[in-house]
């Protein structure tokens, strides 16, 4: 019984160690997480920094992205082999009192079949 407990404990610790926070450069993570759907415009202040470090996220797990940047504003499952995490930089249609004339600027993280980042794009286009 103790052996089973020990094996379970080691497994849990091992899994949690696999998904740690990533280096986010000089992005103000507190502001980033507080700006859901880009409604407050705080994420736009970090546009230059996210452009500079975006490739450092390649190969990261989806859990590491969540631990670093917070819960995505939107997740889109394309098929069984890929999904997208959306983080809006400009106010999206989910913001109160905002009328959208064009698609807002956003950071897209493309996840492959094993939930690792295969592409990071800053765009106003949808996948």
Protein backbone atom coordinates (compact mmCIF):
# COMPACT_ATOMS: atom_id res chain seq x y z
CA UNK A 1 0.00 0.00 0.00
CA UNK A 2 2.82 2.41 0.87
CA UNK A 3 4.61 1.52 -2.34
CA UNK A 4 1.49 2.34 -4.36
CA UNK A 5 1.20 5.70 -2.56
CA UNK A 6 4.86 6.46 -3.20
CA UNK A 7 4.57 5.60 -6.90
CA UNK A 8 1.47 7.81 -7.23
CA UNK A 9 3.19 10.69 -5.44
CA UNK A 10 6.30 10.48 -7.61
CA UNK A 11 4.12 10.35 -10.75
CA UNK A 12 2.16 13.45 -9.74
CA UNK A 13 5.31 15.38 -8.89
CA UNK A 14 6.91 14.30 -12.15
CA UNK A 15 3.94 15.45 -14.21
CA UNK A 16 3.70 18.81 -12.50
CA UNK A 17 7.42 19.41 -13.03
CA UNK A 18 6.99 18.89 -16.77
CA UNK A 19 4.85 21.97 -17.19
CA UNK A 20 6.56 24.94 -15.63
CA UNK A 21 6.25 28.64 -16.38
CA UNK A 22 8.10 29.82 -19.46
CA UNK A 23 10.35 32.85 -19.84
CA UNK A 24 8.00 35.68 -20.77
CA UNK A 25 10.65 38.35 -21.23
CA UNK A 26 9.49 41.76 -20.05
CA UNK A 27 5.77 41.07 -20.61
CA UNK A 28 3.76 42.32 -17.65
CA UNK A 29 2.13 38.95 -16.86
CA UNK A 30 -0.12 40.42 -14.17
CA UNK A 31 -1.59 42.89 -16.70
CA UNK A 32 -1.73 40.18 -19.37
CA UNK A 33 -3.80 37.86 -17.19
CA UNK A 34 -6.05 40.73 -16.05
CA UNK A 35 -6.87 41.71 -19.66
CA UNK A 36 -9.22 38.89 -20.70
CA UNK A 37 -10.29 39.20 -24.36
CA UNK A 38 -8.07 42.31 -24.69
CA UNK A 39 -10.90 44.47 -23.31
CA UNK A 40 -8.65 46.83 -21.30
CA UNK A 41 -5.95 47.27 -23.94
CA UNK A 42 -3.21 46.21 -21.53
CA UNK A 43 -1.86 43.40 -23.72
CA UNK A 44 -1.19 45.79 -26.61
CA UNK A 45 1.46 47.44 -24.43
CA UNK A 46 3.47 44.21 -24.71
CA UNK A 47 3.10 43.76 -28.49
CA UNK A 48 6.78 44.48 -29.26
CA UNK A 49 7.95 42.06 -26.55
CA UNK A 50 5.61 39.23 -27.64
CA UNK A 51 6.85 39.69 -31.22
CA UNK A 52 10.44 39.51 -30.00
CA UNK A 53 10.05 36.33 -27.91
CA UNK A 54 7.25 34.46 -29.70
CA UNK A 55 9.57 31.81 -31.16
CA UNK A 56 10.83 30.94 -27.69
CA UNK A 57 7.41 29.36 -27.06
CA UNK A 58 7.91 26.78 -29.84
CA UNK A 59 7.92 23.25 -28.44
CA UNK A 60 6.34 24.31 -25.14
CA UNK A 61 3.39 22.32 -23.81
CA UNK A 62 -0.12 23.70 -23.67
CA UNK A 63 0.04 23.53 -19.86
CA UNK A 64 3.22 25.63 -19.81
CA UNK A 65 1.50 28.26 -21.96
CA UNK A 66 -1.45 28.31 -19.55
CA UNK A 67 0.83 28.55 -16.49
CA UNK A 68 2.70 31.44 -18.09
CA UNK A 69 -0.01 33.48 -19.85
CA UNK A 70 -3.14 32.29 -18.06
CA UNK A 71 -6.20 30.60 -19.52
CA UNK A 72 -6.59 31.32 -23.25
CA UNK A 73 -9.41 33.62 -24.33
CA UNK A 74 -10.56 31.03 -26.82
CA UNK A 75 -9.55 27.47 -27.74
CA UNK A 76 -10.37 26.08 -31.15
CA UNK A 77 -10.05 22.40 -31.98
CA UNK A 78 -9.40 22.08 -35.71
CA UNK A 79 -9.16 18.32 -35.89
CA UNK A 80 -7.66 15.55 -33.81
CA UNK A 81 -4.16 16.63 -34.74
CA UNK A 82 -4.21 20.35 -33.92
CA UNK A 83 -5.82 23.06 -31.86
CA UNK A 84 -5.33 26.80 -31.34
CA UNK A 85 -5.05 28.97 -28.24
CA UNK A 86 -6.22 32.56 -28.82
CA UNK A 87 -5.05 35.50 -26.70
CA UNK A 88 -6.64 38.76 -27.90
CA UNK A 89 -4.42 41.85 -27.96
CA UNK A 90 -7.20 44.20 -29.10
CA UNK A 91 -10.74 44.19 -27.70
CA UNK A 92 -12.77 41.26 -29.02
CA UNK A 93 -16.50 40.79 -29.47
CA UNK A 94 -16.62 39.31 -25.94
CA UNK A 95 -15.94 42.75 -24.44
CA UNK A 96 -18.94 44.69 -23.12
CA UNK A 97 -19.85 47.76 -25.14
CA UNK A 98 -17.40 47.05 -27.95
CA UNK A 99 -18.57 46.92 -31.54
CA UNK A 100 -16.13 45.07 -33.73
CA UNK A 101 -15.54 46.56 -37.18
CA UNK A 102 -12.63 44.28 -38.00
CA UNK A 103 -11.12 41.13 -36.52
CA UNK A 104 -9.03 42.06 -33.48
CA UNK A 105 -5.29 41.48 -33.34
CA UNK A 106 -4.46 38.29 -31.43
CA UNK A 107 -1.69 35.87 -30.62
CA UNK A 108 -2.37 32.37 -31.93
CA UNK A 109 -0.59 29.35 -30.53
CA UNK A 110 -0.97 26.32 -32.81
CA UNK A 111 -0.77 23.07 -30.84
CA UNK A 112 0.13 19.80 -32.52
CA UNK A 113 -1.29 16.35 -31.73
CA UNK A 114 0.86 15.98 -28.62
CA UNK A 115 -0.19 19.41 -27.24
CA UNK A 116 3.06 21.19 -28.02
CA UNK A 117 3.34 24.60 -29.66
CA UNK A 118 4.23 24.23 -33.32
CA UNK A 119 3.60 27.82 -34.43
CA UNK A 120 3.08 31.25 -32.86
CA UNK A 121 1.43 33.93 -34.97
CA UNK A 122 0.35 37.51 -34.28
CA UNK A 123 -2.48 38.24 -36.67
CA UNK A 124 -5.98 39.57 -37.15
CA UNK A 125 -6.88 36.54 -39.28
CA UNK A 126 -8.58 33.41 -38.00
CA UNK A 127 -7.08 29.96 -38.57
